[in-house]
Amino acid sequence: MPRKDYNLKMAGIGEKTIENLPEVLPDVISLDIVLSGNNDYQICRKIRNNYLLLYIKIILVSGKIQLDQRLTGN
């Protein structure tokens, strides 16, 4: 049976957010690839390189339509 309670946390942008992830350990992270000029591809890689965060699901949101731009998030 699906859960009906959720805990949503909004995070800022950048290194401070990544540093706090091991304390929060979310089930899912949503990253906007072009938000505020920040490169969320790099943030995604940093999350994936941290063994404590390896199994967190990441959803990359993008308005980009070029196939090579979308595949960069693999």
PDB file of N, CA and C in Angstrom:
ATOM      1  N   MET A   1       0.842  -1.178   0.000  1.00  0.00           N
ATOM      2  CA  MET A   1       0.000   0.000   0.000  1.00  0.00           C
ATOM      3  C   MET A   1       0.890   1.245   0.000  1.00  0.00           C
ATOM      4  N   PRO A   2       0.624   2.205  -0.902  1.00  0.00           N
ATOM      5  CA  PRO A   2       1.465   3.402  -0.978  1.00  0.00           C
ATOM      6  C   PRO A   2       1.323   4.286   0.259  1.00  0.00           C
ATOM      7  N   ARG A   3       2.421   4.951   0.571  1.00  0.00           N
ATOM      8  CA  ARG A   3       2.394   5.895   1.689  1.00  0.00           C
ATOM      9  C   ARG A   3       1.616   7.136   1.306  1.00  0.00           C
ATOM     10  N   LYS A   4       0.972   7.723   2.268  1.00  0.00           N
ATOM     11  CA  LYS A   4       0.215   8.940   2.016  1.00  0.00           C
ATOM     12  C   LYS A   4       0.846  10.154   2.671  1.00  0.00           C
ATOM     13  N   ASP A   5       1.940   9.960   3.351  1.00  0.00           N
ATOM     14  CA  ASP A   5       2.618  11.088   3.974  1.00  0.00           C
ATOM     15  C   ASP A   5       3.965  11.307   3.284  1.00  0.00           C
ATOM     16  N   TYR A   6       4.282  12.570   3.048  1.00  0.00           N
ATOM     17  CA  TYR A   6       5.519  12.929   2.377  1.00  0.00           C
ATOM     18  C   TYR A   6       6.174  14.066   3.129  1.00  0.00           C
ATOM     19  N   ASN A   7       7.479  14.122   3.023  1.00  0.00           N
ATOM     20  CA  ASN A   7       8.235  15.196   3.633  1.00  0.00           C
ATOM     21  C   ASN A   7       9.055  15.844   2.529  1.00  0.00           C
ATOM     22  N   LEU A   8       8.675  17.021   2.111  1.00  0.00           N
ATOM     23  CA  LEU A   8       9.331  17.726   1.028  1.00  0.00           C
ATOM     24  C   LEU A   8      10.263  18.776   1.604  1.00  0.00           C
ATOM     25  N   LYS A   9      11.493  18.774   1.130  1.00  0.00           N
ATOM     26  CA  LYS A   9      12.469  19.778   1.565  1.00  0.00           C
ATOM     27  C   LYS A   9      13.000  20.495   0.341  1.00  0.00           C
ATOM     28  N   MET A  10      13.002  21.800   0.403  1.00  0.00           N
ATOM     29  CA  MET A  10      13.573  22.613  -0.666  1.00  0.00           C
ATOM     30  C   MET A  10      15.006  22.928  -0.277  1.00  0.00           C
ATOM     31  N   ALA A  11      15.887  22.819  -1.234  1.00  0.00           N
ATOM     32  CA  ALA A  11      17.299  23.069  -0.960  1.00  0.00           C
ATOM     33  C   ALA A  11      17.798  24.210  -1.835  1.00  0.00           C
ATOM     34  N   GLY A  12      18.876  24.790  -1.411  1.00  0.00           N
ATOM     35  CA  GLY A  12      19.495  25.846  -2.191  1.00  0.00           C
ATOM     36  C   GLY A  12      20.322  25.266  -3.324  1.00  0.00           C
ATOM     37  N   ILE A  13      21.173  26.086  -3.834  1.00  0.00           N
ATOM     38  CA  ILE A  13      22.012  25.687  -4.961  1.00  0.00           C
ATOM     39  C   ILE A  13      23.461  25.638  -4.500  1.00  0.00           C
ATOM     40  N   GLY A  14      24.192  24.617  -4.947  1.00  0.00           N
ATOM     41  CA  GLY A  14      25.628  24.607  -4.752  1.00  0.00           C
ATOM     42  C   GLY A  14      26.143  23.635  -3.724  1.00  0.00           C
ATOM     43  N   GLU A  15      27.383  23.893  -3.333  1.00  0.00           N
ATOM     44  CA  GLU A  15      28.137  22.978  -2.480  1.00  0.00           C
ATOM     45  C   GLU A  15      27.502  22.760  -1.115  1.00  0.00           C
ATOM     46  N   LYS A  16      26.924  23.781  -0.524  1.00  0.00           N
ATOM     47  CA  LYS A  16      26.325  23.658   0.805  1.00  0.00           C
ATOM     48  C   LYS A  16      25.202  22.625   0.794  1.00  0.00           C
ATOM     49  N   THR A  17      24.434  22.617  -0.270  1.00  0.00           N
ATOM     50  CA  THR A  17      23.355  21.641  -0.402  1.00  0.00           C
ATOM     51  C   THR A  17      23.910  20.229  -0.463  1.00  0.00           C
ATOM     52  N   ILE A  18      24.964  20.021  -1.223  1.00  0.00           N
ATOM     53  CA  ILE A  18      25.573  18.696  -1.344  1.00  0.00           C
ATOM     54  C   ILE A  18      26.131  18.248  -0.004  1.00  0.00           C
ATOM     55  N   GLU A  19      26.719  19.159   0.743  1.00  0.00           N
ATOM     56  CA  GLU A  19      27.278  18.820   2.056  1.00  0.00           C
ATOM     57  C   GLU A  19      26.198  18.341   3.018  1.00  0.00           C
ATOM     58  N   ASN A  20      24.980  18.872   2.904  1.00  0.00           N
ATOM     59  CA  ASN A  20      23.889  18.515   3.815  1.00  0.00           C
ATOM     60  C   ASN A  20      23.155  17.239   3.429  1.00  0.00           C
ATOM     61  N   LEU A  21      23.348  16.734   2.233  1.00  0.00           N
ATOM     62  CA  LEU A  21      22.612  15.553   1.780  1.00  0.00           C
ATOM     63  C   LEU A  21      22.804  14.313   2.650  1.00  0.00           C
ATOM     64  N   PRO A  22      24.020  13.998   3.130  1.00  0.00           N
ATOM     65  CA  PRO A  22      24.155  12.802   3.976  1.00  0.00           C
ATOM     66  C   PRO A  22      23.329  12.866   5.258  1.00  0.00           C
ATOM     67  N   GLU A  23      23.050  14.064   5.754  1.00  0.00           N
ATOM     68  CA  GLU A  23      22.228  14.203   6.962  1.00  0.00           C
ATOM     69  C   GLU A  23      20.747  13.971   6.655  1.00  0.00           C
ATOM     70  N   VAL A  24      20.315  14.383   5.477  1.00  0.00           N
ATOM     71  CA  VAL A  24      18.905  14.307   5.107  1.00  0.00           C
ATOM     72  C   VAL A  24      18.571  12.964   4.454  1.00  0.00           C
ATOM     73  N   LEU A  25      19.449  12.473   3.595  1.00  0.00           N
ATOM     74  CA  LEU A  25      19.259  11.242   2.817  1.00  0.00           C
ATOM     75  C   LEU A  25      17.867  11.159   2.177  1.00  0.00           C
ATOM     76  N   PRO A  26      17.625  12.012   1.195  1.00  0.00           N
ATOM     77  CA  PRO A  26      16.316  11.996   0.538  1.00  0.00           C
ATOM     78  C   PRO A  26      16.137  10.748  -0.325  1.00  0.00           C
ATOM     79  N   ASP A  27      14.892  10.428  -0.636  1.00  0.00           N
ATOM     80  CA  ASP A  27      14.605   9.316  -1.543  1.00  0.00           C
ATOM     81  C   ASP A  27      14.823   9.739  -2.992  1.00  0.00           C
ATOM     82  N   VAL A  28      14.511  11.007  -3.289  1.00  0.00           N
ATOM     83  CA  VAL A  28      14.586  11.528  -4.656  1.00  0.00           C
ATOM     84  C   VAL A  28      15.115  12.951  -4.622  1.00  0.00           C
ATOM     85  N   ILE A  29      15.924  13.298  -5.628  1.00  0.00           N
ATOM     86  CA  ILE A  29      16.415  14.667  -5.801  1.00  0.00           C
ATOM     87  C   ILE A  29      16.012  15.112  -7.196  1.00  0.00           C
ATOM     88  N   SER A  30      15.457  16.310  -7.306  1.00  0.00           N
ATOM     89  CA  SER A  30      15.122  16.892  -8.603  1.00  0.00           C
ATOM     90  C   SER A  30      16.093  18.033  -8.873  1.00  0.00           C
ATOM     91  N   LEU A  31      16.789  17.965 -10.004  1.00  0.00           N
ATOM     92  CA  LEU A  31      17.753  18.999 -10.370  1.00  0.00           C
ATOM     93  C   LEU A  31      17.329  19.651 -11.675  1.00  0.00           C
ATOM     94  N   ASP A  32      17.318  20.976 -11.702  1.00  0.00           N
ATOM     95  CA  ASP A  32      17.054  21.716 -12.929  1.00  0.00           C
ATOM     96  C   ASP A  32      18.402  22.015 -13.567  1.00  0.00           C
ATOM     97  N   ILE A  33      18.628  21.494 -14.747  1.00  0.00           N
ATOM     98  CA  ILE A  33      19.942  21.556 -15.381  1.00  0.00           C
ATOM     99  C   ILE A  33      20.412  22.987 -15.619  1.00  0.00           C
ATOM    100  N   VAL A  34      19.515  23.896 -15.919  1.00  0.00           N
ATOM    101  CA  VAL A  34      19.936  25.263 -16.245  1.00  0.00           C
ATOM    102  C   VAL A  34      19.507  26.285 -15.199  1.00  0.00           C
ATOM    103  N   LEU A  35      19.220  25.856 -13.999  1.00  0.00           N
ATOM    104  CA  LEU A  35      18.766  26.757 -12.947  1.00  0.00           C
ATOM    105  C   LEU A  35      19.868  27.724 -12.530  1.00  0.00           C
ATOM    106  N   SER A  36      19.598  28.987 -12.635  1.00  0.00           N
ATOM    107  CA  SER A  36      20.494  30.062 -12.175  1.00  0.00           C
ATOM    108  C   SER A  36      21.911  29.951 -12.720  1.00  0.00           C
ATOM    109  N   GLY A  37      22.072  29.406 -13.900  1.00  0.00           N
ATOM    110  CA  GLY A  37      23.393  29.294 -14.498  1.00  0.00           C
ATOM    111  C   GLY A  37      24.267  28.241 -13.854  1.00  0.00           C
ATOM    112  N   ASN A  38      23.744  27.522 -12.868  1.00  0.00           N
ATOM    113  CA  ASN A  38      24.518  26.480 -12.196  1.00  0.00           C
ATOM    114  C   ASN A  38      24.530  25.237 -13.069  1.00  0.00           C
ATOM    115  N   ASN A  39      25.611  24.506 -13.053  1.00  0.00           N
ATOM    116  CA  ASN A  39      25.701  23.295 -13.849  1.00  0.00           C
ATOM    117  C   ASN A  39      25.306  22.095 -12.996  1.00  0.00           C
ATOM    118  N   ASP A  40      24.059  21.690 -13.089  1.00  0.00           N
ATOM    119  CA  ASP A  40      23.578  20.576 -12.275  1.00  0.00           C
ATOM    120  C   ASP A  40      24.111  19.231 -12.758  1.00  0.00           C
ATOM    121  N   TYR A  41      24.699  19.182 -13.951  1.00  0.00           N
ATOM    122  CA  TYR A  41      25.401  17.965 -14.357  1.00  0.00           C
ATOM    123  C   TYR A  41      26.541  17.701 -13.374  1.00  0.00           C
ATOM    124  N   GLN A  42      27.269  18.768 -13.009  1.00  0.00           N
ATOM    125  CA  GLN A  42      28.375  18.626 -12.060  1.00  0.00           C
ATOM    126  C   GLN A  42      27.862  18.237 -10.677  1.00  0.00           C
ATOM    127  N   ILE A  43      26.744  18.826 -10.255  1.00  0.00           N
ATOM    128  CA  ILE A  43      26.165  18.468  -8.964  1.00  0.00           C
ATOM    129  C   ILE A  43      25.746  17.004  -8.969  1.00  0.00           C
ATOM    130  N   CYS A  44      25.143  16.562 -10.060  1.00  0.00           N
ATOM    131  CA  CYS A  44      24.744  15.163 -10.193  1.00  0.00           C
ATOM    132  C   CYS A  44      25.961  14.241 -10.075  1.00  0.00           C
ATOM    133  N   ARG A  45      27.046  14.591 -10.739  1.00  0.00           N
ATOM    134  CA  ARG A  45      28.272  13.771 -10.660  1.00  0.00           C
ATOM    135  C   ARG A  45      28.829  13.721  -9.239  1.00  0.00           C
ATOM    136  N   LYS A  46      28.797  14.856  -8.540  1.00  0.00           N
ATOM    137  CA  LYS A  46      29.295  14.885  -7.160  1.00  0.00           C
ATOM    138  C   LYS A  46      28.443  14.015  -6.254  1.00  0.00           C
ATOM    139  N   ILE A  47      27.135  14.034  -6.463  1.00  0.00           N
ATOM    140  CA  ILE A  47      26.257  13.174  -5.677  1.00  0.00           C
ATOM    141  C   ILE A  47      26.576  11.716  -5.972  1.00  0.00           C
ATOM    142  N   ARG A  48      26.730  11.383  -7.246  1.00  0.00           N
ATOM    143  CA  ARG A  48      27.007   9.995  -7.640  1.00  0.00           C
ATOM    144  C   ARG A  48      28.385   9.517  -7.174  1.00  0.00           C
ATOM    145  N   ASN A  49      29.306  10.422  -6.955  1.00  0.00           N
ATOM    146  CA  ASN A  49      30.644  10.044  -6.491  1.00  0.00           C
ATOM    147  C   ASN A  49      30.722   9.851  -4.976  1.00  0.00           C
ATOM    148  N   ASN A  50      29.646  10.144  -4.265  1.00  0.00           N
ATOM    149  CA  ASN A  50      29.603   9.964  -2.816  1.00  0.00           C
ATOM    150  C   ASN A  50      28.887   8.646  -2.525  1.00  0.00           C
ATOM    151  N   TYR A  51      29.604   7.678  -1.994  1.00  0.00           N
ATOM    152  CA  TYR A  51      29.025   6.345  -1.785  1.00  0.00           C
ATOM    153  C   TYR A  51      27.824   6.361  -0.841  1.00  0.00           C
ATOM    154  N   LEU A  52      27.729   7.350   0.045  1.00  0.00           N
ATOM    155  CA  LEU A  52      26.572   7.456   0.948  1.00  0.00           C
ATOM    156  C   LEU A  52      25.299   7.861   0.205  1.00  0.00           C
ATOM    157  N   LEU A  53      25.470   8.489  -0.945  1.00  0.00           N
ATOM    158  CA  LEU A  53      24.342   9.023  -1.698  1.00  0.00           C
ATOM    159  C   LEU A  53      24.067   8.239  -2.974  1.00  0.00           C
ATOM    160  N   LEU A  54      24.781   7.178  -3.169  1.00  0.00           N
ATOM    161  CA  LEU A  54      24.752   6.440  -4.432  1.00  0.00           C
ATOM    162  C   LEU A  54      23.371   5.972  -4.852  1.00  0.00           C
ATOM    163  N   TYR A  55      22.516   5.590  -3.920  1.00  0.00           N
ATOM    164  CA  TYR A  55      21.223   5.003  -4.273  1.00  0.00           C
ATOM    165  C   TYR A  55      20.055   5.991  -4.270  1.00  0.00           C
ATOM    166  N   ILE A  56      20.363   7.271  -4.115  1.00  0.00           N
ATOM    167  CA  ILE A  56      19.316   8.285  -4.205  1.00  0.00           C
ATOM    168  C   ILE A  56      18.945   8.468  -5.670  1.00  0.00           C
ATOM    169  N   LYS A  57      17.658   8.460  -5.952  1.00  0.00           N
ATOM    170  CA  LYS A  57      17.189   8.673  -7.315  1.00  0.00           C
ATOM    171  C   LYS A  57      17.315  10.152  -7.652  1.00  0.00           C
ATOM    172  N   ILE A  58      17.768  10.440  -8.874  1.00  0.00           N
ATOM    173  CA  ILE A  58      17.928  11.821  -9.322  1.00  0.00           C
ATOM    174  C   ILE A  58      17.096  12.016 -10.581  1.00  0.00           C
ATOM    175  N   ILE A  59      16.265  13.052 -10.566  1.00  0.00           N
ATOM    176  CA  ILE A  59      15.491  13.429 -11.740  1.00  0.00           C
ATOM    177  C   ILE A  59      16.086  14.726 -12.273  1.00  0.00           C
ATOM    178  N   LEU A  60      16.568  14.691 -13.515  1.00  0.00           N
ATOM    179  CA  LEU A  60      17.104  15.887 -14.154  1.00  0.00           C
ATOM    180  C   LEU A  60      15.999  16.518 -14.990  1.00  0.00           C
ATOM    181  N   VAL A  61      15.680  17.772 -14.690  1.00  0.00           N
ATOM    182  CA  VAL A  61      14.656  18.507 -15.415  1.00  0.00           C
ATOM    183  C   VAL A  61      15.362  19.421 -16.401  1.00  0.00           C
ATOM    184  N   SER A  62      14.878  19.411 -17.643  1.00  0.00           N
ATOM    185  CA  SER A  62      15.548  20.216 -18.653  1.00  0.00           C
ATOM    186  C   SER A  62      14.580  20.705 -19.711  1.00  0.00           C
ATOM    187  N   GLY A  63      14.786  21.917 -20.149  1.00  0.00           N
ATOM    188  CA  GLY A  63      14.070  22.439 -21.292  1.00  0.00           C
ATOM    189  C   GLY A  63      14.884  22.254 -22.558  1.00  0.00           C
ATOM    190  N   LYS A  64      16.056  21.641 -22.420  1.00  0.00           N
ATOM    191  CA  LYS A  64      16.925  21.426 -23.577  1.00  0.00           C
ATOM    192  C   LYS A  64      16.369  20.298 -24.433  1.00  0.00           C
ATOM    193  N   ILE A  65      16.491  20.455 -25.735  1.00  0.00           N
ATOM    194  CA  ILE A  65      15.923  19.450 -26.622  1.00  0.00           C
ATOM    195  C   ILE A  65      16.976  18.670 -27.407  1.00  0.00           C
ATOM    196  N   GLN A  66      18.198  19.128 -27.412  1.00  0.00           N
ATOM    197  CA  GLN A  66      19.245  18.428 -28.149  1.00  0.00           C
ATOM    198  C   GLN A  66      19.546  17.097 -27.477  1.00  0.00           C
ATOM    199  N   LEU A  67      19.622  16.038 -28.262  1.00  0.00           N
ATOM    200  CA  LEU A  67      19.848  14.701 -27.720  1.00  0.00           C
ATOM    201  C   LEU A  67      21.147  14.630 -26.926  1.00  0.00           C
ATOM    202  N   ASP A  68      22.229  15.207 -27.441  1.00  0.00           N
ATOM    203  CA  ASP A  68      23.507  15.144 -26.725  1.00  0.00           C
ATOM    204  C   ASP A  68      23.427  15.865 -25.382  1.00  0.00           C
ATOM    205  N   GLN A  69      22.657  16.938 -25.297  1.00  0.00           N
ATOM    206  CA  GLN A  69      22.490  17.650 -24.014  1.00  0.00           C
ATOM    207  C   GLN A  69      21.710  16.796 -23.020  1.00  0.00           C
ATOM    208  N   ARG A  70      20.692  16.092 -23.492  1.00  0.00           N
ATOM    209  CA  ARG A  70      19.900  15.252 -22.598  1.00  0.00           C
ATOM    210  C   ARG A  70      20.689  14.041 -22.153  1.00  0.00           C
ATOM    211  N   LEU A  71      21.516  13.474 -23.014  1.00  0.00           N
ATOM    212  CA  LEU A  71      22.272  12.277 -22.665  1.00  0.00           C
ATOM    213  C   LEU A  71      23.428  12.553 -21.719  1.00  0.00           C
ATOM    214  N   THR A  72      23.847  13.798 -21.604  1.00  0.00           N
ATOM    215  CA  THR A  72      24.915  14.154 -20.676  1.00  0.00           C
ATOM    216  C   THR A  72      24.547  13.781 -19.244  1.00  0.00           C
ATOM    217  N   GLY A  73      23.269  13.741 -18.925  1.00  0.00           N
ATOM    218  CA  GLY A  73      22.813  13.412 -17.581  1.00  0.00           C
ATOM    219  C   GLY A  73      22.838  11.930 -17.255  1.00  0.00           C
ATOM    220  N   ASN A  74      23.225  11.072 -18.164  1.00  0.00           N
ATOM    221  CA  ASN A  74      23.244   9.609 -17.902  1.00  0.00           C
ATOM    222  C   ASN A  74      24.123   9.274 -16.746  1.00  0.00           C
TER     223      ASN A  74
END
